[in-house]
Each structure stands twice: as C-alpha cells, then as structure tokens.
Protein backbone atom coordinates (compact mmCIF):
# COMPACT_ATOMS: atom_id res chain seq x y z
CA UNK A 1 -54.96 -2.15 -122.74
CA UNK A 2 -51.71 -0.31 -119.90
CA UNK A 3 -51.43 -1.39 -116.62
CA UNK A 4 -50.55 1.39 -114.45
CA UNK A 5 -48.91 0.37 -110.90
CA UNK A 6 -49.12 3.20 -108.15
CA UNK A 7 -47.86 2.51 -104.50
CA UNK A 8 -51.71 3.11 -103.03
CA UNK A 9 -52.33 6.25 -101.54
CA UNK A 10 -54.86 8.97 -102.81
CA UNK A 11 -51.51 10.75 -104.34
CA UNK A 12 -51.01 8.42 -106.03
CA UNK A 13 -54.31 7.18 -108.32
CA UNK A 14 -54.12 10.62 -108.66
CA UNK A 15 -51.22 10.27 -109.98
CA UNK A 16 -52.55 7.80 -112.66
CA UNK A 17 -55.29 9.86 -113.56
CA UNK A 18 -53.25 12.67 -114.62
CA UNK A 19 -50.57 10.06 -116.95
CA UNK A 20 -53.92 8.93 -118.67
CA UNK A 21 -54.72 12.49 -120.12
CA UNK A 22 -50.88 13.17 -120.56
CA UNK A 23 -50.74 9.97 -122.38
CA UNK A 24 -54.39 10.01 -123.67
CA UNK A 25 -54.27 6.33 -122.09
CA UNK A 26 -58.15 5.09 -121.96
CA UNK A 27 -58.46 1.56 -121.37
CA UNK A 28 -56.52 1.87 -119.02
CA UNK A 29 -56.28 -0.58 -115.13
CA UNK A 30 -55.28 0.64 -112.07
CA UNK A 31 -53.91 -1.31 -109.19
CA UNK A 32 -51.91 -1.10 -106.12
CA UNK A 33 -50.49 -4.95 -106.11
CA UNK A 34 -46.59 -4.37 -107.58
CA UNK A 35 -47.20 -8.21 -108.23
CA UNK A 36 -50.77 -8.34 -110.86
CA UNK A 37 -51.24 -10.67 -113.29
CA UNK A 38 -49.77 -9.04 -116.26
CA UNK A 39 -51.99 -9.06 -119.55
CA UNK A 40 -49.77 -11.04 -122.19
CA UNK A 41 -50.24 -7.77 -124.59
CA UNK A 42 -50.64 -5.62 -121.64
CA UNK A 43 -48.21 -2.32 -120.90
CA UNK A 44 -47.50 -2.55 -117.31
CA UNK A 45 -46.92 1.25 -115.98
CA UNK A 46 -45.06 2.34 -112.17
CA UNK A 47 -46.60 5.21 -112.14
CA UNK A 48 -44.46 7.49 -109.13
CA UNK A 49 -46.26 9.31 -107.24
CA UNK A 50 -46.32 13.13 -108.31
CA UNK A 51 -48.16 16.45 -105.60
CA UNK A 52 -48.21 18.52 -108.22
CA UNK A 53 -49.87 15.77 -110.93
CA UNK A 54 -52.16 15.10 -107.81
CA UNK A 55 -52.92 18.66 -106.88
CA UNK A 56 -53.37 19.84 -110.15
CA UNK A 57 -56.02 16.86 -110.67
CA UNK A 58 -57.72 17.24 -106.72
CA UNK A 59 -58.23 20.91 -107.79
CA UNK A 60 -59.63 20.12 -111.83
CA UNK A 61 -61.83 18.20 -109.83
CA UNK A 62 -62.98 20.49 -106.60
CA UNK A 63 -64.04 23.20 -109.71
CA UNK A 64 -65.96 19.56 -111.88
CA UNK A 65 -67.70 18.68 -108.58
CA UNK A 66 -69.88 19.63 -105.65
CA UNK A 67 -67.92 19.30 -101.59
CA UNK A 68 -70.88 16.24 -101.48
CA UNK A 69 -68.91 14.20 -104.17
CA UNK A 70 -65.51 15.34 -103.44
CA UNK A 71 -66.70 13.27 -99.63
CA UNK A 72 -68.16 10.26 -101.15
CA UNK A 73 -64.40 10.70 -103.36
CA UNK A 74 -62.60 10.68 -99.65
CA UNK A 75 -64.55 8.31 -98.74
CA UNK A 76 -64.24 5.23 -101.68
CA UNK A 77 -60.68 6.24 -102.20
CA UNK A 78 -60.70 5.03 -98.03
CA UNK A 79 -62.90 1.55 -98.63
CA UNK A 80 -59.47 -0.13 -99.26
CA UNK A 81 -60.78 -1.57 -101.82
CA UNK A 82 -59.42 -2.26 -105.71
CA UNK A 83 -62.40 -2.70 -106.98
CA UNK A 84 -62.92 1.54 -105.67
CA UNK A 85 -60.31 2.43 -106.45
CA UNK A 86 -60.96 1.31 -110.31
CA UNK A 87 -63.70 2.99 -110.44
CA UNK A 88 -62.59 6.17 -108.53
CA UNK A 89 -59.75 5.82 -111.99
CA UNK A 90 -63.20 6.17 -114.40
CA UNK A 91 -64.80 8.57 -112.35
CA UNK A 92 -61.82 11.06 -112.65
CA UNK A 93 -61.50 10.23 -116.67
CA UNK A 94 -65.48 11.02 -117.00
CA UNK A 95 -65.38 13.46 -115.01
CA UNK A 96 -62.72 15.86 -117.09
CA UNK A 97 -63.75 14.45 -120.53
CA UNK A 98 -67.43 15.67 -119.50
CA UNK A 99 -68.63 19.13 -121.53
CA UNK A 100 -70.90 19.42 -117.57
CA UNK A 101 -71.16 18.62 -114.18
CA UNK A 102 -71.76 15.42 -113.97
CA UNK A 103 -70.70 13.74 -110.91
CA UNK A 104 -74.57 13.50 -109.52
CA UNK A 105 -75.60 11.15 -112.82
CA UNK A 106 -76.28 8.40 -111.31
CA UNK A 107 -77.17 6.44 -114.15
CA UNK A 108 -73.49 6.02 -114.92
CA UNK A 109 -72.38 2.45 -113.40
CA UNK A 110 -69.17 4.72 -111.96
CA UNK A 111 -70.80 7.97 -109.81
CA UNK A 112 -72.88 5.45 -108.11
CA UNK A 113 -70.38 3.41 -107.19
CA UNK A 114 -69.10 6.07 -105.22
CA UNK A 115 -71.88 7.14 -103.65
CA UNK A 116 -72.42 3.15 -102.08
CA UNK A 117 -68.64 3.09 -101.45
CA UNK A 118 -69.12 5.93 -99.72
CA UNK A 119 -71.94 5.20 -97.21
CA UNK A 120 -70.33 2.50 -96.59
CA UNK A 121 -67.37 3.37 -94.90
CA UNK A 122 -69.20 5.58 -93.15
CA UNK A 123 -71.65 4.42 -91.81
CA UNK A 124 -68.04 2.08 -89.93
CA UNK A 125 -67.11 5.09 -89.68
CA UNK A 126 -70.53 6.24 -87.77
CA UNK A 127 -70.05 2.49 -85.90
CA UNK A 128 -66.48 2.82 -84.63
CA UNK A 129 -67.83 6.51 -83.25
CA UNK A 130 -70.08 4.75 -81.50
CA UNK A 131 -68.98 1.68 -79.82
CA UNK A 132 -64.93 2.45 -79.53
CA UNK A 133 -64.60 1.54 -76.12
CA UNK A 134 -61.48 2.70 -73.93
CA UNK A 135 -58.84 1.51 -71.71
CA UNK A 136 -56.91 3.63 -68.89
CA UNK A 137 -53.23 2.62 -68.76
CA UNK A 138 -50.80 3.61 -65.82
CA UNK A 139 -49.01 6.48 -67.55
CA UNK A 140 -53.05 8.15 -68.32
CA UNK A 141 -53.50 7.30 -71.30
CA UNK A 142 -56.40 6.12 -72.83
CA UNK A 143 -55.94 4.00 -76.22
CA UNK A 144 -58.15 1.45 -77.30
CA UNK A 145 -57.56 -1.47 -80.12
CA UNK A 146 -60.37 -1.24 -82.69
CA UNK A 147 -59.53 -3.72 -86.57
CA UNK A 148 -62.42 -1.85 -88.85
CA UNK A 149 -63.88 -3.20 -91.84
CA UNK A 150 -61.67 0.08 -94.11
CA UNK A 151 -59.04 2.74 -93.19
CA UNK A 152 -61.94 4.80 -90.82
CA UNK A 153 -59.11 5.84 -88.33
CA UNK A 154 -58.96 9.93 -90.59
CA UNK A 155 -62.76 9.82 -90.05
CA UNK A 156 -62.96 9.57 -86.55
CA UNK A 157 -60.20 11.63 -85.60
CA UNK A 158 -62.54 15.30 -85.05
CA UNK A 159 -64.80 13.69 -83.16
CA UNK A 160 -62.28 11.77 -81.03
CA UNK A 161 -60.90 15.08 -80.30
CA UNK A 162 -63.67 17.42 -79.99
CA UNK A 163 -65.17 14.50 -77.62
CA UNK A 164 -62.50 13.83 -75.42
CA UNK A 165 -60.26 16.76 -75.24
CA UNK A 166 -59.68 17.13 -71.15
CA UNK A 167 -57.33 13.45 -71.57
CA UNK A 168 -54.24 11.36 -73.73
CA UNK A 169 -55.72 9.56 -75.75
CA UNK A 170 -54.47 7.13 -79.14
CA UNK A 171 -57.12 4.63 -81.11
CA UNK A 172 -55.16 2.11 -82.53
CA UNK A 173 -56.00 1.00 -85.40
CA UNK A 174 -54.84 -3.59 -85.13
CA UNK A 175 -54.84 -4.05 -89.02
CA UNK A 176 -53.45 -1.12 -90.65
CA UNK A 177 -50.50 -1.38 -87.70
CA UNK A 178 -51.09 2.82 -87.76
CA UNK A 179 -52.98 4.98 -85.18
CA UNK A 180 -54.21 8.30 -84.15
CA UNK A 181 -52.90 10.11 -81.35
CA UNK A 182 -53.93 13.14 -79.21
CA UNK A 183 -51.68 13.88 -76.37
CA UNK A 184 -54.49 16.89 -75.27
CA UNK A 185 -53.26 19.76 -77.89
CA UNK A 186 -53.43 18.14 -81.10
CA UNK A 187 -53.70 14.31 -83.52
CA UNK A 188 -51.38 13.35 -84.23
CA UNK A 189 -50.07 10.16 -86.22
CA UNK A 190 -48.41 7.06 -84.99
CA UNK A 191 -46.99 4.19 -86.06
CA UNK A 192 -45.50 1.46 -83.79
CA UNK A 193 -44.53 -2.16 -83.41
CA UNK A 194 -46.68 -3.77 -81.66
CA UNK A 195 -44.28 -6.26 -80.46
CA UNK A 196 -42.12 -4.13 -79.19
CA UNK A 197 -44.74 -3.40 -76.41
CA UNK A 198 -43.60 -6.15 -73.34
CA UNK A 199 -45.70 -4.78 -70.56
CA UNK A 200 -49.31 -6.53 -70.80
CA UNK A 201 -53.05 -5.97 -71.01
CA UNK A 202 -55.91 -7.34 -70.04
CA UNK A 203 -56.59 -10.87 -70.64
CA UNK A 204 -57.92 -11.63 -74.66
CA UNK A 205 -58.07 -7.71 -74.81
CA UNK A 206 -56.05 -7.93 -78.08
CA UNK A 207 -53.10 -10.81 -78.72
CA UNK A 208 -51.01 -8.20 -81.43
CA UNK A 209 -51.34 -5.27 -78.56
CA UNK A 210 -49.96 -5.45 -75.27
CA UNK A 211 -49.75 -2.09 -72.23
CA UNK A 212 -50.78 -2.71 -69.10
CA UNK A 213 -53.48 -0.86 -67.51
CA UNK A 214 -54.35 1.33 -64.50
CA UNK A 215 -55.34 -0.42 -60.84
CA UNK A 216 -58.60 1.58 -61.10
CA UNK A 217 -59.68 0.12 -64.50
CA UNK A 218 -60.80 -3.52 -64.03
CA UNK A 219 -62.60 -1.66 -60.80
CA UNK A 220 -64.48 0.61 -63.47
CA UNK A 221 -64.64 -2.49 -66.09
CA UNK A 222 -66.63 -4.99 -63.18
CA UNK A 223 -68.80 -1.29 -62.32
CA UNK A 224 -69.68 -1.13 -65.89
CA UNK A 225 -70.98 -5.20 -66.23
CA UNK A 226 -72.40 -5.23 -62.88
CA UNK A 227 -74.73 -1.88 -64.66
CA UNK A 228 -75.86 -3.30 -67.85
CA UNK A 229 -76.05 -6.96 -65.91
CA UNK A 230 -78.56 -4.62 -64.15
CA UNK A 231 -80.28 -2.38 -67.05
CA UNK A 232 -80.64 -5.39 -68.93
CA UNK A 233 -84.19 -7.39 -69.26
CA UNK A 234 -83.88 -10.78 -70.03
CA UNK A 235 -87.38 -11.71 -71.03
CA UNK A 236 -87.68 -8.37 -73.58
CA UNK A 237 -84.27 -9.10 -75.41
CA UNK A 238 -84.57 -9.32 -79.16
CA UNK A 239 -81.29 -11.27 -80.23
CA UNK A 240 -81.78 -11.49 -83.30
CA UNK A 241 -82.85 -6.99 -83.60
CA UNK A 242 -79.44 -6.38 -80.64
CA UNK A 243 -77.61 -7.76 -83.35
CA UNK A 244 -79.24 -5.82 -86.63
CA UNK A 245 -77.83 -2.91 -85.09
CA UNK A 246 -74.69 -4.20 -83.00
CA UNK A 247 -74.04 -6.99 -84.98
CA UNK A 248 -71.00 -9.14 -83.48
CA UNK A 249 -67.96 -8.38 -84.56
CA UNK A 250 -67.90 -5.00 -82.76
CA UNK A 251 -68.66 -7.21 -79.52
CA UNK A 252 -64.75 -7.03 -78.58
CA UNK A 253 -64.94 -3.40 -78.06
CA UNK A 254 -67.14 -3.39 -75.62
CA UNK A 255 -66.53 -4.22 -71.96
CA UNK A 256 -70.33 -5.64 -71.52
CA UNK A 257 -69.72 -8.11 -74.13
CA UNK A 258 -67.46 -9.85 -71.60
CA UNK A 259 -69.37 -10.84 -69.55
C-alpha cells in the first residue's frame, strides 16, 4: 500500500486524489505528517500541492455531488483529523469510480463518516457563534481569544461580519496561531506571534496572548456580572442541564463564569 504525504491543505488533499487516478493507485493511505511511520514495503510519496489538479478534482466533485455533500466535505476537512482526511480521500475515490451519484448513500462508510464529521464541526461552529465574547482594547479593537476543537474560524467569519459591522474586531485562534480581523470593510486572515505583544490583558483571560484593555472594559465586565447574578435564581439552578447546553470548555470565554 502506498502512503501519500500532503501539506495539510485542502489543495494538497485534492492533489492526492488527482495523483491516485493519474497512476491508478487506489489502495492508498494519506497523511499530513511527514514523520509518519513508514511500512516495511510501503511507498512513501510526497505529493506537492497543485492548484490546477485540485481545481479539476473539486470541479468533478461539484458535478457528481450535491451542495450539501460539498458542504460536508469542507466541514469534514476543517476537523483536521487524520482519520477524517482518510475518509475524504476514500470518499473521492468512491464518488469518481461510481457511474451514478452516490454522495447520499449513507450505507457506505465514507459517506456516513463525512456526514458525522460535518455534524460535529457544525456544532462547534454554532457554539463559537454563541459563546464568543469580545473585550475592548484601548485602540478601539474588540478582541476575542478562542481555542475551538476544530478549525471553524473560516465558518464563523460571515456571522460576525454581519453582526458587528460597525466595529473593528479580531477573533484569534490561540491553538492554530491565526485570526480573522474585520477592518470595517473586509475580513482578513492574519497571523501573528503572540509573544511579541507586550501589553497586559485582564488577569486570567489568556496566558498566551496579552493586550491592554480599554479603561471602561473592566466596568462593563463588572456590570455584566452584576446583571447575570441578579437574574440568576439560585434555587432553580439545574447544573446538569446547564452543562449540557453550555459545556465547561466554553466557560473560559464567558465573563459571567469568572465571578
């Protein structure tokens, strides 16, 4: 069995699919880890990302699959999971080797896997849209630091651009070291070295990324905590149900949880 190693990008994964059909190699394991364990008799092949090849594969998928299936494919890729990447590769082989449309044949393991991964990533997208909290910096920028399980920043961009059109904001993924920045006109993807930021954020908000808050931010933060405390009815608390809807891993984003 051959092993294709790609650069972790969607272009790279689709380039692997192109190569598989080019050389008629269909028993293939894909990986984005250049240090992956090589089998004793396996061919370990570095597949370079090729935009033209990737576009040909993607256009072929668009012709043979529905819009929902294409969404599932993209969401599954954003899971960044090696098992999901293998399912995506196998899914492409299955689609292109079938005479009829099979992208909704959930009896097939790879089609079902894409639907399941897409559901998980979609749930994370929804929760990020619901639980992201901004803090205002001294320069007027609204900043939110997140650490989602999946790479959902590309999916939440449209939501926050539509919701906060009148303010500059930055949502920074501490885990993946990049963010999306809105400059009142367009959203840009940016990368930065968090260690080069030399101001100080409110204590406990992040250990990896610090900025200087607006003077009013602590006041607004306290007002929100007071409001949350005043509307909370202690005797009617159902913590089990609460955690079901607001898992603890999201509490780090929420001001009211640092009371």
